[in-house]
N, C-alpha and C. Protein backbone atom coordinates (compact mmCIF):
# COMPACT_ATOMS: atom_id res chain seq x y z
N MET A 1 118.10 130.84 77.03
CA MET A 1 117.86 130.67 75.60
C MET A 1 118.37 131.88 74.82
N ASN A 2 118.27 133.03 75.46
CA ASN A 2 118.69 134.25 74.75
C ASN A 2 120.19 134.34 74.53
N LYS A 3 120.94 133.38 75.06
CA LYS A 3 122.39 133.37 74.82
C LYS A 3 122.70 133.05 73.36
N PHE A 4 121.87 132.22 72.72
CA PHE A 4 122.18 131.86 71.33
C PHE A 4 120.98 131.93 70.39
N LEU A 5 119.80 132.32 70.89
CA LEU A 5 118.62 132.50 70.04
C LEU A 5 117.95 133.82 70.39
N GLU A 6 117.15 134.33 69.46
CA GLU A 6 116.39 135.54 69.73
C GLU A 6 114.91 135.23 69.58
N GLU A 7 114.08 135.94 70.34
CA GLU A 7 112.65 135.75 70.20
C GLU A 7 112.22 136.30 68.84
N LEU A 8 111.30 135.59 68.19
CA LEU A 8 110.89 135.96 66.84
C LEU A 8 110.23 137.33 66.82
N PRO A 9 110.76 138.31 66.06
CA PRO A 9 110.12 139.63 65.99
C PRO A 9 108.81 139.54 65.21
N ASN A 10 107.81 140.33 65.61
CA ASN A 10 106.54 140.36 64.89
C ASN A 10 106.68 141.03 63.53
N ASN A 11 107.54 142.01 63.44
CA ASN A 11 107.74 142.76 62.21
C ASN A 11 108.70 141.99 61.29
N GLU A 12 108.20 141.59 60.11
CA GLU A 12 109.02 140.81 59.17
C GLU A 12 110.28 141.55 58.76
N ALA A 13 110.22 142.88 58.69
CA ALA A 13 111.38 143.66 58.26
C ALA A 13 112.54 143.53 59.24
N GLU A 14 112.23 143.21 60.49
CA GLU A 14 113.28 143.08 61.51
C GLU A 14 113.91 141.69 61.53
N ARG A 15 113.37 140.76 60.77
CA ARG A 15 113.89 139.39 60.79
C ARG A 15 115.15 139.27 59.94
N ASN A 16 116.15 138.64 60.50
CA ASN A 16 117.39 138.40 59.77
C ASN A 16 117.33 136.96 59.24
N PRO A 17 117.36 136.78 57.91
CA PRO A 17 117.21 135.43 57.35
C PRO A 17 118.33 134.46 57.75
N ARG A 18 119.45 134.99 58.23
CA ARG A 18 120.55 134.12 58.63
C ARG A 18 120.46 133.71 60.10
N LYS A 19 119.58 134.32 60.84
CA LYS A 19 119.48 134.04 62.27
C LYS A 19 118.42 133.01 62.58
N TRP A 20 118.61 132.33 63.71
CA TRP A 20 117.59 131.45 64.25
C TRP A 20 116.84 132.21 65.34
N TYR A 21 115.53 132.08 65.31
CA TYR A 21 114.68 132.66 66.35
C TYR A 21 113.98 131.53 67.09
N TYR A 22 113.41 131.85 68.23
CA TYR A 22 112.68 130.83 68.97
C TYR A 22 111.30 131.33 69.35
N SER A 23 110.44 130.37 69.61
CA SER A 23 109.08 130.66 70.06
C SER A 23 108.67 129.55 71.01
N ILE A 24 108.00 129.92 72.11
CA ILE A 24 107.48 128.94 73.05
C ILE A 24 105.97 128.92 72.88
N GLU A 25 105.44 127.76 72.51
CA GLU A 25 104.00 127.64 72.23
C GLU A 25 103.44 126.45 73.00
N MET A 26 103.16 126.68 74.27
CA MET A 26 102.66 125.61 75.13
C MET A 26 101.14 125.56 75.08
N ASN A 27 100.61 124.35 75.17
CA ASN A 27 99.15 124.15 75.21
C ASN A 27 98.81 123.64 76.61
N TYR A 28 98.18 124.49 77.42
CA TYR A 28 97.88 124.13 78.80
C TYR A 28 96.41 123.75 79.02
N ASN A 29 95.69 123.46 77.95
CA ASN A 29 94.30 123.00 78.11
C ASN A 29 94.28 121.73 78.93
N GLY A 30 93.45 121.68 79.96
CA GLY A 30 93.34 120.50 80.79
C GLY A 30 94.35 120.43 81.92
N PHE A 31 95.26 121.40 82.02
CA PHE A 31 96.23 121.43 83.10
C PHE A 31 95.64 122.12 84.32
N ILE A 32 96.19 121.83 85.51
CA ILE A 32 95.80 122.55 86.72
C ILE A 32 96.19 124.02 86.54
N TYR A 33 95.34 124.92 86.97
CA TYR A 33 95.56 126.37 86.87
C TYR A 33 95.76 126.80 85.41
N ALA A 34 95.05 126.20 84.49
CA ALA A 34 95.22 126.53 83.06
C ALA A 34 94.97 128.01 82.81
N ASP A 35 94.03 128.59 83.53
CA ASP A 35 93.69 130.01 83.31
C ASP A 35 94.78 130.95 83.81
N LYS A 36 95.69 130.47 84.66
CA LYS A 36 96.76 131.32 85.19
C LYS A 36 98.06 131.16 84.43
N ARG A 37 98.07 130.31 83.42
CA ARG A 37 99.31 130.02 82.70
C ARG A 37 99.43 130.84 81.42
N ASP A 38 100.65 131.27 81.14
CA ASP A 38 100.98 131.97 79.91
C ASP A 38 101.52 130.94 78.92
N SER A 39 100.98 130.89 77.73
CA SER A 39 101.39 129.86 76.76
C SER A 39 102.82 130.05 76.26
N HIS A 40 103.46 131.17 76.63
CA HIS A 40 104.85 131.42 76.22
C HIS A 40 105.84 131.17 77.36
N VAL A 41 105.38 130.43 78.39
CA VAL A 41 106.22 130.14 79.55
C VAL A 41 106.14 128.64 79.84
N VAL A 42 107.28 128.05 80.24
CA VAL A 42 107.30 126.65 80.66
C VAL A 42 107.32 126.66 82.20
N TYR A 43 106.39 125.94 82.81
CA TYR A 43 106.23 125.97 84.26
C TYR A 43 106.65 124.67 84.92
N GLU A 44 107.10 124.82 86.19
CA GLU A 44 107.20 123.67 87.07
C GLU A 44 105.76 123.32 87.43
N GLU A 45 105.42 122.05 87.45
CA GLU A 45 104.05 121.68 87.79
C GLU A 45 103.81 121.85 89.29
N PRO A 46 102.64 122.38 89.68
CA PRO A 46 102.34 122.52 91.10
C PRO A 46 102.32 121.15 91.78
N TYR A 47 102.73 121.10 93.02
CA TYR A 47 102.74 119.83 93.74
C TYR A 47 102.33 120.06 95.19
N ALA A 48 101.89 119.00 95.83
CA ALA A 48 101.50 119.08 97.23
C ALA A 48 102.75 119.17 98.08
N ALA A 49 102.88 120.26 98.86
CA ALA A 49 104.07 120.48 99.67
C ALA A 49 103.89 120.01 101.11
N SER A 50 102.65 119.95 101.58
CA SER A 50 102.37 119.49 102.94
C SER A 50 101.17 118.57 102.94
N TRP A 51 101.25 117.58 103.80
CA TRP A 51 100.18 116.59 103.90
C TRP A 51 99.76 116.44 105.35
N GLU A 52 98.54 115.98 105.57
CA GLU A 52 98.09 115.62 106.91
C GLU A 52 97.16 114.42 106.83
N ILE A 53 97.11 113.70 107.93
CA ILE A 53 96.19 112.56 108.00
C ILE A 53 94.96 113.02 108.77
N LYS A 54 93.82 112.93 108.12
CA LYS A 54 92.56 113.33 108.74
C LYS A 54 91.56 112.21 108.50
N ASP A 55 91.00 111.69 109.58
CA ASP A 55 90.06 110.56 109.49
C ASP A 55 90.68 109.38 108.74
N ASP A 56 91.94 109.10 109.06
CA ASP A 56 92.68 107.99 108.45
C ASP A 56 92.86 108.14 106.93
N VAL A 57 92.76 109.36 106.44
CA VAL A 57 92.96 109.62 105.01
C VAL A 57 94.06 110.68 104.87
N LEU A 58 95.03 110.41 104.00
CA LEU A 58 96.11 111.35 103.75
C LEU A 58 95.61 112.42 102.78
N LYS A 59 95.68 113.70 103.21
CA LYS A 59 95.18 114.80 102.37
C LYS A 59 96.25 115.87 102.22
N ALA A 60 96.33 116.43 101.02
CA ALA A 60 97.24 117.55 100.79
C ALA A 60 96.64 118.81 101.39
N ILE A 61 97.45 119.55 102.17
CA ILE A 61 96.92 120.78 102.79
C ILE A 61 97.57 122.04 102.24
N ARG A 62 98.71 121.90 101.52
CA ARG A 62 99.34 123.07 100.92
C ARG A 62 99.97 122.68 99.59
N TYR A 63 99.70 123.48 98.56
CA TYR A 63 100.27 123.25 97.24
C TYR A 63 101.25 124.36 96.92
N GLU A 64 102.33 124.00 96.21
CA GLU A 64 103.23 125.02 95.69
C GLU A 64 102.57 125.67 94.49
N GLU A 65 102.76 126.96 94.36
CA GLU A 65 102.16 127.72 93.26
C GLU A 65 102.92 127.46 91.95
N LEU A 66 102.33 127.92 90.85
CA LEU A 66 103.00 127.83 89.55
C LEU A 66 104.29 128.63 89.60
N GLU A 67 105.32 128.07 88.98
CA GLU A 67 106.61 128.75 88.95
C GLU A 67 107.26 128.48 87.61
N GLU A 68 107.87 129.49 87.04
CA GLU A 68 108.54 129.31 85.75
C GLU A 68 109.74 128.38 85.93
N LYS A 69 109.91 127.44 84.99
CA LYS A 69 111.03 126.50 85.07
C LYS A 69 112.34 127.22 84.86
N ALA A 70 113.35 126.80 85.59
CA ALA A 70 114.70 127.32 85.40
C ALA A 70 115.65 126.13 85.38
N ARG A 71 116.51 126.07 84.39
CA ARG A 71 117.47 124.98 84.26
C ARG A 71 118.81 125.56 83.80
N LEU A 72 119.88 124.88 84.17
CA LEU A 72 121.21 125.22 83.65
C LEU A 72 121.59 124.12 82.67
N ILE A 73 122.07 124.52 81.49
CA ILE A 73 122.55 123.53 80.53
C ILE A 73 123.94 123.92 80.06
N ASP A 74 124.65 122.95 79.54
CA ASP A 74 125.97 123.18 78.98
C ASP A 74 125.79 123.44 77.49
N GLU A 75 126.25 124.59 77.00
CA GLU A 75 126.03 124.90 75.59
C GLU A 75 127.30 124.74 74.76
N GLU A 76 127.97 123.59 74.93
CA GLU A 76 129.18 123.32 74.17
C GLU A 76 128.91 122.46 72.94
N GLU A 77 127.65 122.18 72.64
CA GLU A 77 127.35 121.32 71.50
C GLU A 77 127.70 122.04 70.20
N SER A 78 127.70 121.28 69.10
CA SER A 78 128.26 121.80 67.87
C SER A 78 127.33 122.64 67.01
N ASN A 79 126.02 122.45 67.12
CA ASN A 79 125.15 123.20 66.22
C ASN A 79 123.80 123.50 66.88
N ILE A 80 122.98 124.26 66.19
CA ILE A 80 121.71 124.73 66.74
C ILE A 80 120.77 123.56 67.05
N TYR A 81 120.85 122.50 66.27
CA TYR A 81 119.98 121.34 66.51
C TYR A 81 120.34 120.64 67.82
N ASN A 82 121.63 120.43 68.05
CA ASN A 82 122.05 119.80 69.30
C ASN A 82 121.67 120.67 70.50
N LEU A 83 121.95 121.97 70.39
CA LEU A 83 121.66 122.88 71.50
C LEU A 83 120.17 122.91 71.83
N THR A 84 119.34 122.99 70.81
CA THR A 84 117.90 123.09 71.06
C THR A 84 117.33 121.77 71.55
N GLN A 85 117.87 120.64 71.09
CA GLN A 85 117.43 119.34 71.61
C GLN A 85 117.80 119.22 73.09
N ASN A 86 118.99 119.69 73.45
CA ASN A 86 119.41 119.67 74.86
C ASN A 86 118.50 120.56 75.71
N LEU A 87 118.14 121.72 75.17
CA LEU A 87 117.22 122.62 75.88
C LEU A 87 115.87 121.95 76.08
N ALA A 88 115.34 121.36 75.02
CA ALA A 88 114.04 120.71 75.10
C ALA A 88 114.06 119.58 76.14
N GLU A 89 115.13 118.80 76.14
CA GLU A 89 115.24 117.70 77.10
C GLU A 89 115.32 118.23 78.53
N ALA A 90 116.10 119.29 78.74
CA ALA A 90 116.26 119.85 80.09
C ALA A 90 114.95 120.41 80.63
N PHE A 91 114.11 120.97 79.75
CA PHE A 91 112.86 121.58 80.19
C PHE A 91 111.66 120.66 80.05
N GLY A 92 111.88 119.45 79.53
CA GLY A 92 110.79 118.48 79.43
C GLY A 92 109.75 118.86 78.39
N VAL A 93 110.19 119.42 77.26
CA VAL A 93 109.29 119.80 76.17
C VAL A 93 109.81 119.19 74.87
N PHE A 94 109.11 119.45 73.78
CA PHE A 94 109.54 119.02 72.45
C PHE A 94 109.94 120.24 71.65
N CYS A 95 110.64 120.02 70.52
CA CYS A 95 110.92 121.17 69.65
C CYS A 95 110.81 120.74 68.19
N ARG A 96 110.41 121.69 67.37
CA ARG A 96 110.38 121.46 65.93
C ARG A 96 110.98 122.69 65.25
N TYR A 97 111.34 122.54 63.99
CA TYR A 97 112.05 123.60 63.27
C TYR A 97 111.23 124.03 62.07
N GLU A 98 111.11 125.32 61.88
CA GLU A 98 110.37 125.86 60.73
C GLU A 98 111.22 126.90 60.03
N TYR A 99 111.14 126.88 58.71
CA TYR A 99 111.77 127.92 57.90
C TYR A 99 110.66 128.85 57.42
N LEU A 100 110.84 130.15 57.64
CA LEU A 100 109.83 131.13 57.27
C LEU A 100 110.19 131.71 55.90
N HIS A 101 109.16 131.83 55.02
CA HIS A 101 109.40 132.28 53.64
C HIS A 101 108.57 133.52 53.35
N ASP A 102 109.06 134.33 52.41
CA ASP A 102 108.22 135.42 51.91
C ASP A 102 107.42 134.90 50.72
N GLU A 103 106.68 135.79 50.03
CA GLU A 103 105.82 135.35 48.92
C GLU A 103 106.61 134.80 47.74
N ASN A 104 107.91 135.10 47.65
CA ASN A 104 108.77 134.57 46.58
C ASN A 104 109.59 133.37 47.05
N TYR A 105 109.23 132.82 48.19
CA TYR A 105 109.87 131.64 48.77
C TYR A 105 111.34 131.86 49.14
N HIS A 106 111.69 133.11 49.44
CA HIS A 106 113.00 133.39 50.00
C HIS A 106 112.91 133.18 51.51
N ILE A 107 113.93 132.57 52.09
CA ILE A 107 113.92 132.35 53.54
C ILE A 107 114.08 133.69 54.24
N ILE A 108 113.13 134.01 55.11
CA ILE A 108 113.18 135.27 55.85
C ILE A 108 113.39 135.01 57.35
N GLY A 109 113.51 133.77 57.72
CA GLY A 109 113.76 133.47 59.13
C GLY A 109 113.74 131.98 59.39
N ARG A 110 114.45 131.61 60.42
CA ARG A 110 114.48 130.22 60.87
C ARG A 110 113.97 130.22 62.30
N LYS A 111 113.10 129.28 62.60
CA LYS A 111 112.41 129.33 63.88
C LYS A 111 112.43 127.97 64.57
N VAL A 112 112.75 127.96 65.86
CA VAL A 112 112.67 126.76 66.69
C VAL A 112 111.46 126.96 67.59
N ILE A 113 110.54 126.01 67.55
CA ILE A 113 109.33 126.11 68.37
C ILE A 113 109.40 125.06 69.46
N PHE A 114 109.31 125.52 70.71
CA PHE A 114 109.27 124.61 71.85
C PHE A 114 107.81 124.45 72.26
N TYR A 115 107.37 123.20 72.42
CA TYR A 115 105.96 122.94 72.72
C TYR A 115 105.84 121.71 73.61
N ASN A 116 104.63 121.45 74.12
CA ASN A 116 104.47 120.37 75.09
C ASN A 116 103.56 119.24 74.66
N ASN A 117 103.05 119.25 73.45
CA ASN A 117 102.17 118.17 72.99
C ASN A 117 102.74 117.52 71.75
N PHE A 118 102.62 116.19 71.69
CA PHE A 118 102.97 115.49 70.46
C PHE A 118 102.06 115.97 69.33
N ILE A 119 102.55 115.95 68.12
CA ILE A 119 101.74 116.39 66.99
C ILE A 119 100.47 115.56 66.87
N TYR A 120 100.59 114.22 67.04
CA TYR A 120 99.43 113.37 66.83
C TYR A 120 98.34 113.59 67.88
N GLU A 121 98.68 114.16 69.02
CA GLU A 121 97.67 114.40 70.04
C GLU A 121 96.66 115.45 69.57
N GLU A 122 97.12 116.39 68.78
CA GLU A 122 96.25 117.46 68.32
C GLU A 122 95.66 117.19 66.93
N GLU A 123 96.45 116.56 66.08
CA GLU A 123 96.04 116.43 64.69
C GLU A 123 95.79 114.99 64.24
N GLY A 124 95.86 114.04 65.13
CA GLY A 124 95.71 112.63 64.75
C GLY A 124 97.03 112.08 64.25
N PHE A 125 97.10 110.79 64.04
CA PHE A 125 98.34 110.15 63.60
C PHE A 125 98.66 110.54 62.16
N LYS A 126 99.95 110.56 61.82
CA LYS A 126 100.40 110.87 60.47
C LYS A 126 100.62 109.56 59.72
N ASP A 127 100.20 109.51 58.46
CA ASP A 127 100.46 108.34 57.62
C ASP A 127 101.68 108.62 56.76
N LEU A 128 102.60 107.68 56.75
CA LEU A 128 103.78 107.79 55.89
C LEU A 128 103.73 106.66 54.88
N THR A 129 103.96 106.97 53.62
CA THR A 129 104.00 105.93 52.60
C THR A 129 105.38 105.96 51.96
N TYR A 130 105.84 104.79 51.55
CA TYR A 130 107.16 104.66 50.93
C TYR A 130 106.97 103.87 49.65
N PRO A 131 107.41 104.40 48.50
CA PRO A 131 107.06 103.78 47.21
C PRO A 131 107.80 102.50 46.88
N TYR A 132 108.80 102.09 47.69
CA TYR A 132 109.58 100.92 47.35
C TYR A 132 109.24 99.75 48.27
N ASP A 133 109.41 98.55 47.78
CA ASP A 133 109.15 97.35 48.58
C ASP A 133 110.36 97.08 49.47
N THR A 134 110.20 97.27 50.77
CA THR A 134 111.32 97.08 51.70
C THR A 134 111.21 95.76 52.47
N SER A 135 110.29 94.89 52.05
CA SER A 135 110.08 93.64 52.80
C SER A 135 111.29 92.70 52.68
N GLU A 136 112.10 92.87 51.64
CA GLU A 136 113.26 91.99 51.46
C GLU A 136 114.56 92.60 51.96
N VAL A 137 114.51 93.75 52.60
CA VAL A 137 115.72 94.39 53.10
C VAL A 137 116.21 93.63 54.33
N THR A 138 117.49 93.28 54.34
CA THR A 138 118.08 92.57 55.48
C THR A 138 119.32 93.32 55.94
N ARG A 139 119.76 92.99 57.13
CA ARG A 139 120.95 93.63 57.68
C ARG A 139 121.89 92.56 58.21
N GLU A 140 123.15 92.64 57.83
CA GLU A 140 124.14 91.70 58.34
C GLU A 140 125.09 92.44 59.25
N MET A 141 125.31 91.88 60.42
CA MET A 141 126.23 92.51 61.37
C MET A 141 127.59 91.82 61.26
N ASP A 142 128.63 92.62 61.10
CA ASP A 142 129.98 92.08 61.13
C ASP A 142 130.55 92.39 62.50
N SER A 143 130.62 91.35 63.35
CA SER A 143 131.07 91.57 64.73
C SER A 143 132.52 91.13 64.92
N SER A 144 133.26 90.97 63.84
CA SER A 144 134.63 90.45 63.98
C SER A 144 135.55 91.44 64.68
N ASP A 145 135.20 92.72 64.68
CA ASP A 145 136.05 93.71 65.34
C ASP A 145 135.46 94.18 66.68
N LEU A 146 134.51 93.43 67.22
CA LEU A 146 133.84 93.87 68.43
C LEU A 146 134.71 93.68 69.66
N ALA A 147 134.84 94.72 70.46
CA ALA A 147 135.52 94.63 71.76
C ALA A 147 134.69 95.43 72.75
N THR A 148 134.70 95.01 73.97
CA THR A 148 133.94 95.71 74.99
C THR A 148 134.89 96.57 75.81
N LYS A 149 134.56 97.85 75.94
CA LYS A 149 135.37 98.76 76.73
C LYS A 149 134.57 99.13 77.98
N MET A 150 135.12 98.87 79.16
CA MET A 150 134.43 99.19 80.39
C MET A 150 135.25 100.23 81.16
N PHE A 151 134.66 101.41 81.37
CA PHE A 151 135.34 102.45 82.14
C PHE A 151 135.20 102.13 83.62
N VAL A 152 136.28 102.28 84.37
CA VAL A 152 136.28 102.01 85.80
C VAL A 152 136.47 103.33 86.52
N LYS A 153 135.41 103.79 87.19
CA LYS A 153 135.48 105.09 87.86
C LYS A 153 136.35 105.02 89.10
N ALA A 154 137.05 106.11 89.36
CA ALA A 154 137.84 106.21 90.59
C ALA A 154 136.90 106.42 91.76
N VAL A 155 137.23 105.83 92.91
CA VAL A 155 136.40 106.01 94.10
C VAL A 155 137.27 106.53 95.23
N GLU A 156 136.64 107.25 96.17
CA GLU A 156 137.38 107.80 97.30
C GLU A 156 137.83 106.67 98.23
N ASP A 157 139.08 106.81 98.72
CA ASP A 157 139.62 105.80 99.64
C ASP A 157 140.64 106.49 100.55
N ASP A 158 140.38 106.48 101.85
CA ASP A 158 141.25 107.15 102.81
C ASP A 158 142.59 106.45 103.00
N THR A 159 142.68 105.18 102.61
CA THR A 159 143.92 104.42 102.82
C THR A 159 144.96 104.67 101.73
N ILE A 160 144.57 105.34 100.66
CA ILE A 160 145.49 105.63 99.55
C ILE A 160 146.01 107.05 99.73
N ALA A 161 147.28 107.25 99.40
CA ALA A 161 147.92 108.56 99.60
C ALA A 161 147.19 109.67 98.85
N THR A 162 146.72 109.39 97.63
CA THR A 162 146.03 110.41 96.83
C THR A 162 144.59 110.61 97.27
N GLY A 163 144.08 109.68 98.08
CA GLY A 163 142.67 109.76 98.50
C GLY A 163 141.71 109.14 97.51
N MET A 164 142.24 108.64 96.39
CA MET A 164 141.40 108.04 95.35
C MET A 164 141.94 106.66 94.99
N LEU A 165 141.02 105.71 94.84
CA LEU A 165 141.38 104.36 94.41
C LEU A 165 141.02 104.26 92.93
N THR A 166 142.01 103.98 92.09
CA THR A 166 141.79 103.97 90.65
C THR A 166 142.66 102.91 89.98
N ILE A 167 142.25 102.42 88.83
CA ILE A 167 143.05 101.42 88.12
C ILE A 167 144.22 102.07 87.37
N ILE A 168 144.21 103.39 87.25
CA ILE A 168 145.27 104.08 86.51
C ILE A 168 146.63 103.84 87.18
N ASP A 169 146.63 103.79 88.53
CA ASP A 169 147.89 103.65 89.26
C ASP A 169 148.33 102.20 89.47
N THR A 170 147.53 101.25 88.99
CA THR A 170 147.86 99.84 89.22
C THR A 170 149.07 99.43 88.37
N GLU A 171 150.01 98.70 88.98
CA GLU A 171 151.23 98.30 88.27
C GLU A 171 150.92 97.45 87.04
N ALA A 172 149.89 96.61 87.12
CA ALA A 172 149.55 95.73 86.00
C ALA A 172 148.92 96.50 84.83
N ASN A 173 148.56 97.73 85.06
CA ASN A 173 147.92 98.54 84.00
C ASN A 173 149.00 99.29 83.23
N ASN A 174 149.56 98.62 82.23
CA ASN A 174 150.67 99.21 81.46
C ASN A 174 150.24 100.44 80.66
N SER A 175 148.99 100.47 80.22
CA SER A 175 148.55 101.59 79.38
C SER A 175 148.28 102.85 80.20
N GLY A 176 147.98 102.69 81.51
CA GLY A 176 147.67 103.85 82.35
C GLY A 176 146.32 104.46 82.04
N GLU A 177 145.45 103.69 81.34
CA GLU A 177 144.11 104.19 81.01
C GLU A 177 143.13 103.84 82.12
N ASP A 178 141.97 104.48 82.09
CA ASP A 178 140.96 104.24 83.14
C ASP A 178 139.86 103.29 82.66
N TYR A 179 140.19 102.41 81.70
CA TYR A 179 139.20 101.45 81.21
C TYR A 179 139.84 100.08 81.01
N LEU A 180 138.98 99.06 80.93
CA LEU A 180 139.41 97.70 80.65
C LEU A 180 138.83 97.29 79.30
N LEU A 181 139.62 96.57 78.53
CA LEU A 181 139.11 96.03 77.27
C LEU A 181 138.86 94.54 77.45
N ASN A 182 137.72 94.07 76.99
CA ASN A 182 137.34 92.67 77.14
C ASN A 182 137.23 92.05 75.75
N PHE A 183 138.11 91.07 75.46
CA PHE A 183 138.13 90.43 74.16
C PHE A 183 137.53 89.02 74.20
N ASP A 184 136.81 88.69 75.28
CA ASP A 184 136.25 87.34 75.43
C ASP A 184 135.39 86.93 74.24
N TYR A 185 134.58 87.86 73.75
CA TYR A 185 133.68 87.54 72.64
C TYR A 185 134.48 87.15 71.39
N LEU A 186 135.51 87.94 71.08
CA LEU A 186 136.32 87.66 69.90
C LEU A 186 137.03 86.31 70.03
N TYR A 187 137.48 86.01 71.25
CA TYR A 187 138.14 84.72 71.48
C TYR A 187 137.15 83.57 71.33
N LYS A 188 135.94 83.79 71.83
CA LYS A 188 134.90 82.75 71.80
C LYS A 188 134.51 82.38 70.37
N ILE A 189 134.43 83.38 69.49
CA ILE A 189 134.01 83.10 68.11
C ILE A 189 135.21 82.73 67.22
N GLY A 190 136.43 82.73 67.80
CA GLY A 190 137.60 82.26 67.06
C GLY A 190 138.29 83.27 66.19
N THR A 191 138.02 84.54 66.34
CA THR A 191 138.67 85.53 65.49
C THR A 191 140.04 85.93 66.04
N ILE A 192 140.29 85.67 67.32
CA ILE A 192 141.63 85.89 67.87
C ILE A 192 142.03 84.64 68.68
N SER A 193 143.33 84.47 68.83
CA SER A 193 143.82 83.32 69.60
C SER A 193 143.97 83.73 71.06
N GLU A 194 144.27 82.75 71.90
CA GLU A 194 144.43 83.03 73.33
C GLU A 194 145.58 84.00 73.57
N GLU A 195 146.66 83.85 72.77
CA GLU A 195 147.80 84.74 72.91
C GLU A 195 147.40 86.17 72.59
């Protein structure tokens, strides 16, 4: 995370209003080993590593201890929102975004908070009201340009000189692409002819 975010400094004077900071705020109430967990760390959940059958009952005899989660992610996405959503997904948590203001409502920091509970679990469900009547809103789909594209993955094959069996090398594949286009739907509804 420290590759593109910084941990939020406690001292407001050290905050750069143009930078994004992060905070990990996990709620481990009700979790196994809750007293041994740090709310600023995301953990792998403990699991039974060894089992035995005793008196015809399967029992866990050894558990793995708490361990901080470690994941590798690709950070080629375009903006902070994509990157942080990818991080949250990889670590199995949620994230929300907060803008920090001073007393004159100037932005003094931007913060991404990673957490493990839905908002409604702690605060109850949120009510949303919309002032316009949307009961008459309809949607029309124009499917006249619909085509199905199916990618065909190459597979290993010892009988081929390259070692790979792929549609790219097929003589009938004039485009040399690795996908097939299916126009059956367009033909069926009459938007294109057989030719």
